[in-house]
Amino acid sequence: MTGSTPDVIDPHAEDLEDIALGDDYALTANYVDMVVDAADRGDTARLRALVHALRAEDVADLMGFLSADYREDIIPLLDAEELAEIIAELDTNLREEVLESVPPKQLAAALGELDSDDAADVVDDMEDQQRAEVLAEMSDVDRAAIENTLAYGDETAGRLMQREVLAAPQFWTVSQTIDHIRAAGDELPDLFFDVYVVDPSMRPVGAAAVSALLRAQPEAKLENLMEQVTEIPVDMDQEEVAYIFDKYHLISAPVVDIGGRLVGQITVDDIVGVIQDESEEDILALAGVSDAGRDATILDIARSRLPWLLVNTVTAAVAASIIGAFQDHIAKLVALAILLPVVASLGGNAGTQTLAVAVRALAARELNAANAFRIVRREMSVGLMNGIALATVLAGATFIWMRDPRLSLTLGLALIVNLFLASVAGILVPLTLDRLGRDPAVSSSVFVTFVTDFMGFLSFLGLAALILF
């Protein structure tokens, strides 16, 4: 890691980071091959130089490209601080595997180097027996901090926060506060942006930015420097916390318990991870899959994707039954079979477009009861407009190709109907699921696809039965 001193200095160490990272800051295949080669040859000095040339985040990325045997060669080369930084950066699935290969005493020493929120996150990924062994090796203070954090619900502010926080009374001066910061040393968080000003009951009454302290006169009091603070309830969902940080452009915020007392803080680096996790979760949920990870087995991946495929099989069978009901008409005019997928496919794409916009708007709190009617009306208008545009183009092309005006009219009307209904489904399905308290990203796509297929087949074949026969 940058800043660490390897036991053996490699003469080309100054070039290793350039070799390891491409222009996009992703690890290069050449560097991974160099690590594998050094491990295969048992060249510990070379392997140590290769690993210590990278930052913790890049070493964590490297672990994902290596098999378990190679990871076990690297772990003994890391001291407690380095191991802690790397474990905190690992993906959940990979972290669980790495944790199994590290002795409890070494893990306990590593966790002692982390802030309480990161340490609790790592401990939460351990099996019960390993968790008990590691906690037994830790100091009473560190163990209590982790256990208190784990007592809060998953994906809440309490689980996200770090308990290390800088607080001071209103009457303190800038000079007193800075002296306290210097004296506190390791007791303070590694990264903090604000001094939380509290009353005698430890309730936040404001916050003074560190930058404001540095600019102020030494005798200035905190109560004259502090600004309004946005408090985060300890049981608030992390997605709500991320929304508040984004809305109010926060860098940090105090976390308070049910009595309003200061119990921790959340900083923007934690929120970046939450936003990324929530975004990935929504994207995967829209497709009906979960994050497989680089080390997931074939059986795990198949099991995670099968349920929604089975649901989709049922909905597809219902939609296909429409074709069966009109099979005599299709047999009389083969062109219907040729054009039928066009109507269903365009409707599906239109529904997916509307669905993606709706799910994003719901996640960003841009779509709610106050503007739902206006947004629904807008999407319906867009669907109707696009339906008319596509109907005009494809009906004209069908007439040029098949010279049948009634078939062209049938296709055009079916496209208008299906694209309109696709837009309606794309906006109403996620809105309905959200109103029912369900995650609209998880199952909306299945229902929207069902509507566009079912109505696409029904509108096209139904109109064909009326116009052509």
Protein backbone atom coordinates (compact mmCIF):
# COMPACT_ATOMS: atom_id res chain seq x y z
CA MET A 1 0.00 0.00 0.00
CA THR A 2 1.13 3.51 -0.66
CA GLY A 3 2.95 4.79 2.38
CA SER A 4 3.93 1.30 3.64
CA THR A 5 7.55 0.17 3.68
CA PRO A 6 8.17 -3.36 2.40
CA ASP A 7 10.80 -5.48 4.10
CA VAL A 8 12.64 -5.92 0.81
CA ILE A 9 12.78 -3.01 -1.63
CA ASP A 10 12.21 -4.01 -5.23
CA PRO A 11 14.48 -2.01 -7.60
CA HIS A 12 11.52 -1.44 -9.94
CA ALA A 13 9.00 -0.67 -7.16
CA GLU A 14 8.56 2.92 -8.32
CA ASP A 15 7.15 1.60 -11.63
CA LEU A 16 4.88 -1.09 -10.21
CA GLU A 17 1.84 1.12 -9.63
CA ASP A 18 2.02 2.34 -13.23
CA ILE A 19 2.19 -1.28 -14.40
CA ALA A 20 -0.61 -2.38 -12.10
CA LEU A 21 -3.22 0.23 -13.01
CA GLY A 22 -4.56 1.13 -16.43
CA ASP A 23 -5.74 4.56 -17.50
CA ASP A 24 -9.16 3.72 -16.03
CA TYR A 25 -7.58 2.78 -12.65
CA ALA A 26 -8.54 -0.86 -13.13
CA LEU A 27 -5.93 -3.56 -12.47
CA THR A 28 -4.15 -4.77 -15.57
CA ALA A 29 -3.98 -8.43 -16.59
CA ASN A 30 -0.19 -8.10 -16.76
CA TYR A 31 0.04 -7.10 -13.11
CA VAL A 32 -2.23 -9.95 -11.95
CA ASP A 33 -0.03 -12.36 -13.92
CA MET A 34 3.05 -10.94 -12.17
CA VAL A 35 1.45 -11.58 -8.76
CA VAL A 36 0.48 -15.14 -9.71
CA ASP A 37 3.97 -15.82 -11.08
CA ALA A 38 5.68 -14.54 -7.90
CA ALA A 39 3.37 -16.70 -5.75
CA ASP A 40 3.99 -19.78 -7.90
CA ARG A 41 7.76 -19.31 -7.62
CA GLY A 42 7.54 -18.76 -3.87
CA ASP A 43 9.28 -15.40 -4.30
CA THR A 44 8.00 -13.74 -1.10
CA ALA A 45 10.12 -10.60 -1.54
CA ARG A 46 8.78 -10.00 -5.04
CA LEU A 47 5.21 -10.73 -3.95
CA ARG A 48 5.54 -8.33 -1.02
CA ALA A 49 6.85 -5.58 -3.30
CA LEU A 50 4.01 -6.11 -5.78
CA VAL A 51 1.35 -5.94 -3.07
CA HIS A 52 2.81 -2.98 -1.19
CA ALA A 53 2.98 -0.93 -4.37
CA LEU A 54 -0.82 -0.64 -4.32
CA ARG A 55 -3.34 1.14 -2.16
CA ALA A 56 -5.67 -0.86 0.04
CA GLU A 57 -8.58 -0.42 -2.38
CA ASP A 58 -6.51 -1.83 -5.24
CA VAL A 59 -5.28 -4.78 -3.17
CA ALA A 60 -8.91 -5.55 -2.31
CA ASP A 61 -9.65 -5.51 -6.04
CA LEU A 62 -6.68 -7.80 -6.63
CA MET A 63 -8.09 -10.32 -4.16
CA GLY A 64 -11.13 -10.67 -6.38
CA PHE A 65 -8.98 -11.74 -9.32
CA LEU A 66 -7.07 -14.38 -7.36
CA SER A 67 -8.04 -17.86 -6.21
CA ALA A 68 -8.21 -18.71 -2.50
CA ASP A 69 -4.70 -20.26 -2.54
CA TYR A 70 -3.09 -17.08 -3.84
CA ARG A 71 -5.03 -14.93 -1.39
CA GLU A 72 -3.65 -17.05 1.45
CA ASP A 73 -0.13 -16.29 0.18
CA ILE A 74 -0.79 -12.53 0.39
CA ILE A 75 -2.51 -12.27 3.79
CA PRO A 76 0.62 -13.11 5.89
CA LEU A 77 2.46 -10.24 4.17
CA LEU A 78 0.05 -7.65 5.64
CA ASP A 79 0.27 -5.99 9.03
CA ALA A 80 -2.85 -5.31 11.13
CA GLU A 81 -3.51 -1.85 9.69
CA GLU A 82 -3.10 -3.00 6.10
CA LEU A 83 -5.28 -6.07 6.59
CA ALA A 84 -7.97 -3.94 8.21
CA GLU A 85 -8.08 -1.47 5.32
CA ILE A 86 -8.25 -4.27 2.75
CA ILE A 87 -10.94 -6.31 4.51
CA ALA A 88 -13.10 -3.20 4.83
CA GLU A 89 -12.93 -2.71 1.05
CA LEU A 90 -13.74 -6.30 0.00
CA ASP A 91 -17.07 -7.28 -1.56
CA THR A 92 -19.28 -9.12 0.92
CA ASN A 93 -19.00 -12.58 -0.69
CA LEU A 94 -15.23 -12.35 -1.03
CA ARG A 95 -14.84 -10.90 2.45
CA GLU A 96 -16.57 -13.89 4.02
CA GLU A 97 -14.11 -16.24 2.31
CA VAL A 98 -11.07 -14.18 3.29
CA LEU A 99 -12.22 -13.93 6.91
CA GLU A 100 -12.28 -17.73 7.17
CA SER A 101 -8.56 -17.89 6.40
CA VAL A 102 -7.42 -15.32 9.00
CA PRO A 103 -6.76 -16.40 12.63
CA PRO A 104 -9.02 -14.76 15.26
CA LYS A 105 -6.14 -12.96 16.99
CA GLN A 106 -4.95 -11.42 13.72
CA LEU A 107 -8.51 -10.41 12.85
CA ALA A 108 -9.02 -8.82 16.25
CA ALA A 109 -5.85 -6.74 15.84
CA ALA A 110 -6.97 -5.65 12.37
CA LEU A 111 -10.46 -4.67 13.52
CA GLY A 112 -8.93 -2.55 16.28
CA GLU A 113 -7.48 -0.33 13.54
CA LEU A 114 -10.89 0.41 11.99
CA ASP A 115 -13.60 2.90 12.90
CA SER A 116 -16.47 1.27 14.75
CA ASP A 117 -18.83 1.28 11.75
CA ASP A 118 -16.34 -0.47 9.47
CA ALA A 119 -15.35 -2.94 12.20
CA ALA A 120 -18.99 -3.82 12.89
CA ASP A 121 -19.60 -4.30 9.16
CA VAL A 122 -16.77 -6.83 9.01
CA VAL A 123 -17.86 -8.67 12.16
CA ASP A 124 -21.40 -8.90 10.81
CA ASP A 125 -20.09 -11.02 7.92
CA MET A 126 -18.54 -13.61 10.25
CA GLU A 127 -20.02 -16.94 11.25
CA ASP A 128 -21.26 -17.07 14.86
CA GLN A 129 -18.35 -19.12 16.18
CA GLN A 130 -15.71 -17.01 14.50
CA ARG A 131 -17.44 -13.81 15.65
CA ALA A 132 -17.34 -15.00 19.27
CA GLU A 133 -13.64 -15.94 18.99
CA VAL A 134 -12.66 -12.62 17.42
CA LEU A 135 -14.66 -10.50 19.88
CA ALA A 136 -13.06 -12.43 22.76
CA GLU A 137 -9.63 -11.31 21.51
CA MET A 138 -10.61 -7.62 21.38
CA SER A 139 -10.42 -4.99 24.11
CA ASP A 140 -13.52 -4.37 26.20
CA VAL A 141 -14.01 -0.91 24.66
CA ASP A 142 -13.72 -2.09 21.05
CA ARG A 143 -15.91 -5.13 21.69
CA ALA A 144 -18.63 -3.03 23.34
CA ALA A 145 -18.63 -0.54 20.45
CA ILE A 146 -19.07 -3.30 17.87
CA GLU A 147 -21.77 -5.12 19.84
CA ASN A 148 -23.70 -1.89 20.33
CA THR A 149 -23.54 -1.15 16.60
CA LEU A 150 -24.69 -4.66 15.68
CA ALA A 151 -27.68 -4.23 18.01
CA TYR A 152 -29.21 -1.81 15.50
CA GLY A 153 -31.25 -3.05 12.55
CA ASP A 154 -29.66 -3.91 9.22
CA GLU A 155 -29.39 -1.01 6.76
CA THR A 156 -30.25 1.60 9.39
CA ALA A 157 -28.40 4.75 10.41
CA GLY A 158 -27.31 3.01 13.62
CA ARG A 159 -25.56 0.30 11.66
CA LEU A 160 -24.07 2.83 9.25
CA MET A 161 -22.77 5.36 11.77
CA GLN A 162 -19.39 5.47 13.47
CA ARG A 163 -19.51 5.93 17.23
CA GLU A 164 -16.32 7.99 17.30
CA VAL A 165 -17.46 11.61 17.20
CA LEU A 166 -16.15 15.03 18.17
CA ALA A 167 -18.52 16.94 20.45
CA ALA A 168 -18.03 20.08 22.53
CA PRO A 169 -20.17 22.38 24.71
CA GLN A 170 -21.43 25.72 23.42
CA PHE A 171 -19.28 27.83 25.74
CA TRP A 172 -15.97 26.36 24.56
CA THR A 173 -13.72 28.65 22.56
CA VAL A 174 -11.93 27.76 19.35
CA SER A 175 -8.67 27.50 21.28
CA GLN A 176 -10.16 25.06 23.79
CA THR A 177 -11.66 22.96 21.03
CA ILE A 178 -8.43 22.68 19.08
CA ASP A 179 -6.51 21.79 22.25
CA HIS A 180 -9.08 19.05 22.90
CA ILE A 181 -8.68 17.70 19.37
CA ARG A 182 -4.91 17.49 19.79
CA ALA A 183 -5.19 15.83 23.20
CA ALA A 184 -7.86 13.29 22.18
CA GLY A 185 -5.70 11.80 19.42
CA ASP A 186 -6.70 8.21 18.60
CA GLU A 187 -10.01 8.53 20.43
CA LEU A 188 -11.32 10.71 17.60
CA PRO A 189 -12.51 9.37 14.23
CA ASP A 190 -9.93 9.12 11.47
CA LEU A 191 -12.05 11.40 9.31
CA PHE A 192 -14.32 14.19 10.58
CA PHE A 193 -15.56 17.48 9.18
CA ASP A 194 -17.60 19.03 12.00
CA VAL A 195 -17.49 19.63 15.71
CA TYR A 196 -20.97 18.91 17.05
CA VAL A 197 -22.01 21.48 19.62
CA VAL A 198 -24.10 19.84 22.36
CA ASP A 199 -26.10 20.92 25.40
CA PRO A 200 -25.54 19.40 28.87
CA SER A 201 -27.80 16.46 27.92
CA MET A 202 -25.61 15.64 24.88
CA ARG A 203 -28.28 16.82 22.45
CA PRO A 204 -26.86 18.47 19.31
CA VAL A 205 -27.71 22.17 19.05
CA GLY A 206 -25.48 22.93 16.07
CA ALA A 207 -22.29 22.09 14.26
CA ALA A 208 -19.10 24.05 13.66
CA ALA A 209 -17.15 23.11 10.56
CA VAL A 210 -13.46 22.40 11.05
CA SER A 211 -12.71 24.91 8.30
CA ALA A 212 -14.62 27.56 10.32
CA LEU A 213 -12.52 26.78 13.40
CA LEU A 214 -9.30 27.27 11.47
CA ARG A 215 -10.42 30.68 10.19
CA ALA A 216 -11.85 31.96 13.50
CA GLN A 217 -10.08 33.83 16.28
CA PRO A 218 -8.87 31.63 19.18
CA GLU A 219 -11.18 33.33 21.69
CA ALA A 220 -14.32 32.94 19.55
CA LYS A 221 -16.99 30.71 21.12
CA LEU A 222 -18.51 27.72 19.34
CA GLU A 223 -22.04 29.03 19.88
CA ASN A 224 -21.14 31.98 17.65
CA LEU A 225 -19.65 29.76 14.93
CA MET A 226 -22.11 26.90 14.82
CA GLU A 227 -24.71 26.42 12.13
CA GLN A 228 -27.98 24.50 12.02
CA VAL A 229 -27.51 20.74 12.06
CA THR A 230 -29.55 18.01 10.37
CA GLU A 231 -30.09 15.20 12.84
CA ILE A 232 -30.41 11.57 11.70
CA PRO A 233 -32.56 9.24 13.86
CA VAL A 234 -30.66 6.10 14.74
CA ASP A 235 -33.37 3.83 13.28
CA MET A 236 -33.72 5.65 9.94
CA ASP A 237 -33.30 3.47 6.83
CA GLN A 238 -29.98 4.04 5.08
CA GLU A 239 -31.73 4.87 1.81
CA GLU A 240 -33.55 7.70 3.59
CA VAL A 241 -30.23 8.86 5.03
CA ALA A 242 -28.69 8.95 1.56
CA TYR A 243 -31.65 10.98 0.30
CA ILE A 244 -31.18 13.55 3.09
CA PHE A 245 -27.44 13.82 2.39
CA ASP A 246 -28.14 14.37 -1.30
CA LYS A 247 -30.97 16.84 -0.75
CA TYR A 248 -29.15 19.04 1.76
CA HIS A 249 -25.63 18.54 0.33
CA LEU A 250 -24.30 17.25 3.65
CA ILE A 251 -20.72 16.18 4.33
CA SER A 252 -21.53 14.73 7.73
CA ALA A 253 -24.49 14.53 10.09
CA PRO A 254 -24.99 13.60 13.74
CA VAL A 255 -26.96 10.47 14.63
CA VAL A 256 -29.27 10.73 17.63
CA ASP A 257 -31.10 8.13 19.72
CA ILE A 258 -34.80 8.16 20.59
CA GLY A 259 -34.13 10.76 23.29
CA GLY A 260 -32.33 13.07 20.87
CA ARG A 261 -28.88 12.43 22.38
CA LEU A 262 -25.79 12.27 20.18
CA VAL A 263 -24.63 8.67 19.66
CA GLY A 264 -22.53 8.86 16.49
CA GLN A 265 -22.03 10.42 13.10
CA ILE A 266 -22.37 9.52 9.45
CA THR A 267 -19.94 10.94 6.90
CA VAL A 268 -20.25 11.34 3.18
CA ASP A 269 -17.82 8.49 2.40
CA ASP A 270 -20.31 6.10 4.02
CA ILE A 271 -23.15 7.57 1.94
CA VAL A 272 -21.28 7.12 -1.35
CA GLY A 273 -21.19 3.39 -0.63
CA VAL A 274 -24.90 3.34 0.26
CA ILE A 275 -25.88 5.15 -2.94
CA GLN A 276 -23.79 2.74 -5.02
CA ASP A 277 -25.23 -0.32 -3.23
CA GLU A 278 -28.82 0.89 -3.57
CA SER A 279 -28.35 1.73 -7.25
CA GLU A 280 -26.82 -1.67 -8.00
CA GLU A 281 -29.61 -3.36 -6.06
CA ASP A 282 -32.30 -1.54 -8.06
CA ILE A 283 -30.62 -2.25 -11.40
CA LEU A 284 -30.30 -5.96 -10.59
CA ALA A 285 -33.84 -6.10 -9.19
CA LEU A 286 -35.24 -4.65 -12.42
CA ALA A 287 -33.80 -7.67 -14.20
CA GLY A 288 -34.95 -10.07 -11.48
CA VAL A 289 -31.44 -11.13 -10.47
CA SER A 290 -29.12 -10.69 -7.49
CA ASP A 291 -25.45 -9.76 -7.37
CA ALA A 292 -23.59 -12.95 -8.22
CA GLY A 293 -20.12 -11.71 -7.37
CA ARG A 294 -16.91 -12.97 -8.93
CA ASP A 295 -16.75 -16.08 -6.75
CA ALA A 296 -20.40 -17.17 -6.91
CA THR A 297 -21.02 -20.77 -7.92
CA ILE A 298 -23.07 -21.82 -10.92
CA LEU A 299 -25.69 -23.34 -8.61
CA ASP A 300 -26.01 -20.13 -6.55
CA ILE A 301 -26.45 -17.99 -9.66
CA ALA A 302 -29.00 -20.35 -11.19
CA ARG A 303 -30.97 -20.55 -7.93
CA SER A 304 -31.13 -16.75 -7.60
CA ARG A 305 -32.43 -16.24 -11.14
CA LEU A 306 -34.85 -19.14 -11.45
CA PRO A 307 -37.83 -17.90 -9.36
CA TRP A 308 -38.66 -14.89 -11.51
CA LEU A 309 -38.07 -16.91 -14.67
CA LEU A 310 -40.71 -19.32 -13.42
CA VAL A 311 -43.11 -16.44 -12.78
CA ASN A 312 -42.31 -15.11 -16.23
CA THR A 313 -43.05 -18.56 -17.67
CA VAL A 314 -46.57 -18.42 -16.23
CA THR A 315 -47.22 -14.91 -17.54
CA ALA A 316 -45.78 -15.84 -20.95
CA ALA A 317 -48.06 -18.88 -21.10
CA VAL A 318 -51.10 -16.70 -20.40
CA ALA A 319 -50.01 -14.24 -23.10
CA ALA A 320 -49.38 -17.11 -25.53
CA SER A 321 -52.91 -18.40 -24.94
CA ILE A 322 -54.12 -15.35 -26.85
CA ILE A 323 -52.27 -16.64 -29.91
CA GLY A 324 -53.93 -20.03 -29.48
CA ALA A 325 -57.36 -18.40 -29.43
CA PHE A 326 -56.68 -16.82 -32.83
CA GLN A 327 -54.77 -19.71 -34.43
CA ASP A 328 -57.39 -20.18 -37.16
CA HIS A 329 -56.99 -16.56 -38.26
CA ILE A 330 -53.18 -16.88 -38.24
CA ALA A 331 -53.42 -20.02 -40.36
CA LYS A 332 -55.46 -18.11 -42.96
CA LEU A 333 -53.07 -15.16 -43.10
CA VAL A 334 -49.42 -16.00 -42.42
CA ALA A 335 -48.51 -12.28 -42.40
CA LEU A 336 -50.11 -12.05 -38.95
CA ALA A 337 -47.47 -14.41 -37.54
CA ILE A 338 -44.72 -12.34 -39.16
CA LEU A 339 -45.92 -9.01 -37.75
CA LEU A 340 -47.09 -10.23 -34.34
CA PRO A 341 -43.60 -10.13 -32.68
CA VAL A 342 -43.13 -6.56 -33.93
CA VAL A 343 -46.13 -5.30 -31.97
CA ALA A 344 -45.16 -7.16 -28.78
CA SER A 345 -41.47 -6.19 -28.99
CA LEU A 346 -42.08 -2.47 -29.51
CA GLY A 347 -44.62 -2.48 -26.69
CA GLY A 348 -42.14 -4.22 -24.39
CA ASN A 349 -39.41 -1.69 -25.15
CA ALA A 350 -41.78 1.23 -24.57
CA GLY A 351 -42.92 -0.26 -21.27
CA THR A 352 -39.34 -0.81 -20.13
CA GLN A 353 -38.43 2.80 -20.93
CA THR A 354 -41.32 4.14 -18.87
CA LEU A 355 -40.65 1.66 -16.07
CA ALA A 356 -36.98 2.67 -15.77
CA VAL A 357 -37.93 6.35 -15.55
CA ALA A 358 -40.65 5.63 -12.96
CA VAL A 359 -38.44 3.47 -10.70
CA ARG A 360 -35.67 6.07 -10.77
CA ALA A 361 -38.13 8.86 -9.99
CA LEU A 362 -39.59 6.91 -7.07
CA ALA A 363 -36.11 6.16 -5.69
CA ALA A 364 -35.14 9.85 -5.98
CA ARG A 365 -38.42 10.97 -4.32
CA GLU A 366 -39.31 12.88 -7.50
CA LEU A 367 -42.57 10.95 -7.92
CA ASN A 368 -45.17 10.91 -5.16
CA ALA A 369 -48.88 11.50 -4.55
CA ALA A 370 -48.46 15.25 -5.11
CA ASN A 371 -47.43 14.92 -8.75
CA ALA A 372 -48.46 11.35 -9.62
CA PHE A 373 -51.45 12.37 -11.75
CA ARG A 374 -49.37 14.81 -13.80
CA ILE A 375 -46.59 12.27 -14.37
CA VAL A 376 -49.06 9.51 -15.31
CA ARG A 377 -50.79 11.84 -17.78
CA ARG A 378 -47.42 12.83 -19.23
CA GLU A 379 -46.31 9.23 -19.76
CA MET A 380 -49.67 8.32 -21.30
CA SER A 381 -49.32 11.21 -23.74
CA VAL A 382 -45.77 10.14 -24.60
CA GLY A 383 -46.94 6.58 -25.22
CA LEU A 384 -49.78 7.75 -27.46
CA MET A 385 -47.50 10.10 -29.41
CA ASN A 386 -44.82 7.45 -29.95
CA GLY A 387 -47.51 4.91 -30.87
CA ILE A 388 -48.88 7.20 -33.58
CA ALA A 389 -45.37 7.93 -34.91
CA LEU A 390 -44.37 4.26 -35.08
CA ALA A 391 -47.76 3.26 -36.46
CA THR A 392 -47.39 5.73 -39.31
CA VAL A 393 -43.91 4.48 -40.22
CA LEU A 394 -44.57 0.73 -39.91
CA ALA A 395 -48.04 0.82 -41.43
CA GLY A 396 -46.55 2.58 -44.44
CA ALA A 397 -43.73 0.06 -44.68
CA THR A 398 -46.20 -2.84 -44.39
CA PHE A 399 -48.33 -1.41 -47.21
CA ILE A 400 -45.27 -1.05 -49.47
CA TRP A 401 -44.21 -4.61 -48.64
CA MET A 402 -47.53 -6.48 -48.71
CA ARG A 403 -49.86 -4.10 -50.61
CA ASP A 404 -52.69 -4.72 -48.16
CA PRO A 405 -54.20 -1.50 -46.73
CA ARG A 406 -56.34 -3.36 -44.20
CA LEU A 407 -53.33 -5.22 -42.81
CA SER A 408 -51.44 -1.92 -42.60
CA LEU A 409 -54.36 -0.34 -40.74
CA THR A 410 -54.52 -3.32 -38.36
CA LEU A 411 -50.81 -3.07 -37.55
CA GLY A 412 -50.97 0.70 -37.08
CA LEU A 413 -53.92 0.59 -34.71
CA ALA A 414 -52.41 -2.29 -32.73
CA LEU A 415 -49.17 -0.36 -32.29
CA ILE A 416 -51.01 2.72 -31.02
CA VAL A 417 -53.00 0.65 -28.55
CA ASN A 418 -50.03 -1.38 -27.29
CA LEU A 419 -47.58 1.52 -26.89
CA PHE A 420 -50.23 3.52 -25.06
CA LEU A 421 -50.99 0.62 -22.70
CA ALA A 422 -47.26 -0.09 -22.28
CA SER A 423 -46.71 3.44 -21.02
CA VAL A 424 -49.71 3.15 -18.72
CA ALA A 425 -48.40 -0.12 -17.27
CA GLY A 426 -44.84 1.22 -17.05
CA ILE A 427 -45.93 4.04 -14.77
CA LEU A 428 -48.90 2.53 -12.89
CA VAL A 429 -47.32 -0.83 -11.96
CA PRO A 430 -44.38 0.65 -9.97
CA LEU A 431 -46.65 3.31 -8.47
CA THR A 432 -49.08 0.64 -7.29
CA LEU A 433 -46.34 -1.56 -5.84
CA ASP A 434 -44.84 1.44 -4.07
CA ARG A 435 -48.24 2.36 -2.63
CA LEU A 436 -48.60 -1.22 -1.36
CA GLY A 437 -45.25 -0.96 0.40
CA ARG A 438 -43.42 -3.25 -2.03
CA ASP A 439 -40.14 -2.46 -3.78
CA PRO A 440 -41.16 -1.42 -7.33
CA ALA A 441 -37.76 -2.42 -8.70
CA VAL A 442 -38.13 -6.07 -7.75
CA SER A 443 -41.14 -7.32 -9.71
CA SER A 444 -42.38 -4.47 -11.89
CA SER A 445 -40.63 -5.72 -15.02
CA VAL A 446 -42.45 -9.08 -14.93
CA PHE A 447 -45.88 -7.45 -14.73
CA VAL A 448 -45.09 -4.80 -17.35
CA THR A 449 -43.81 -7.48 -19.75
CA PHE A 450 -46.97 -9.48 -19.17
CA VAL A 451 -49.18 -6.48 -19.97
CA THR A 452 -47.28 -5.55 -23.13
CA ASP A 453 -47.20 -9.14 -24.44
CA PHE A 454 -50.81 -9.91 -23.54
CA MET A 455 -52.21 -6.65 -24.87
CA GLY A 456 -49.90 -6.69 -27.88
CA PHE A 457 -51.17 -10.09 -28.98
CA LEU A 458 -54.77 -9.29 -28.08
CA SER A 459 -54.90 -5.91 -29.77
CA PHE A 460 -53.22 -7.07 -32.98
CA LEU A 461 -55.10 -10.36 -33.37
CA GLY A 462 -58.36 -8.91 -32.12
CA LEU A 463 -58.21 -6.03 -34.59
CA ALA A 464 -57.19 -8.46 -37.32
CA ALA A 465 -60.29 -10.54 -36.62
CA LEU A 466 -62.48 -7.45 -36.89
CA ILE A 467 -60.86 -5.81 -39.93
CA LEU A 468 -59.44 -8.64 -42.02
CA PHE A 469 -61.95 -11.45 -41.58
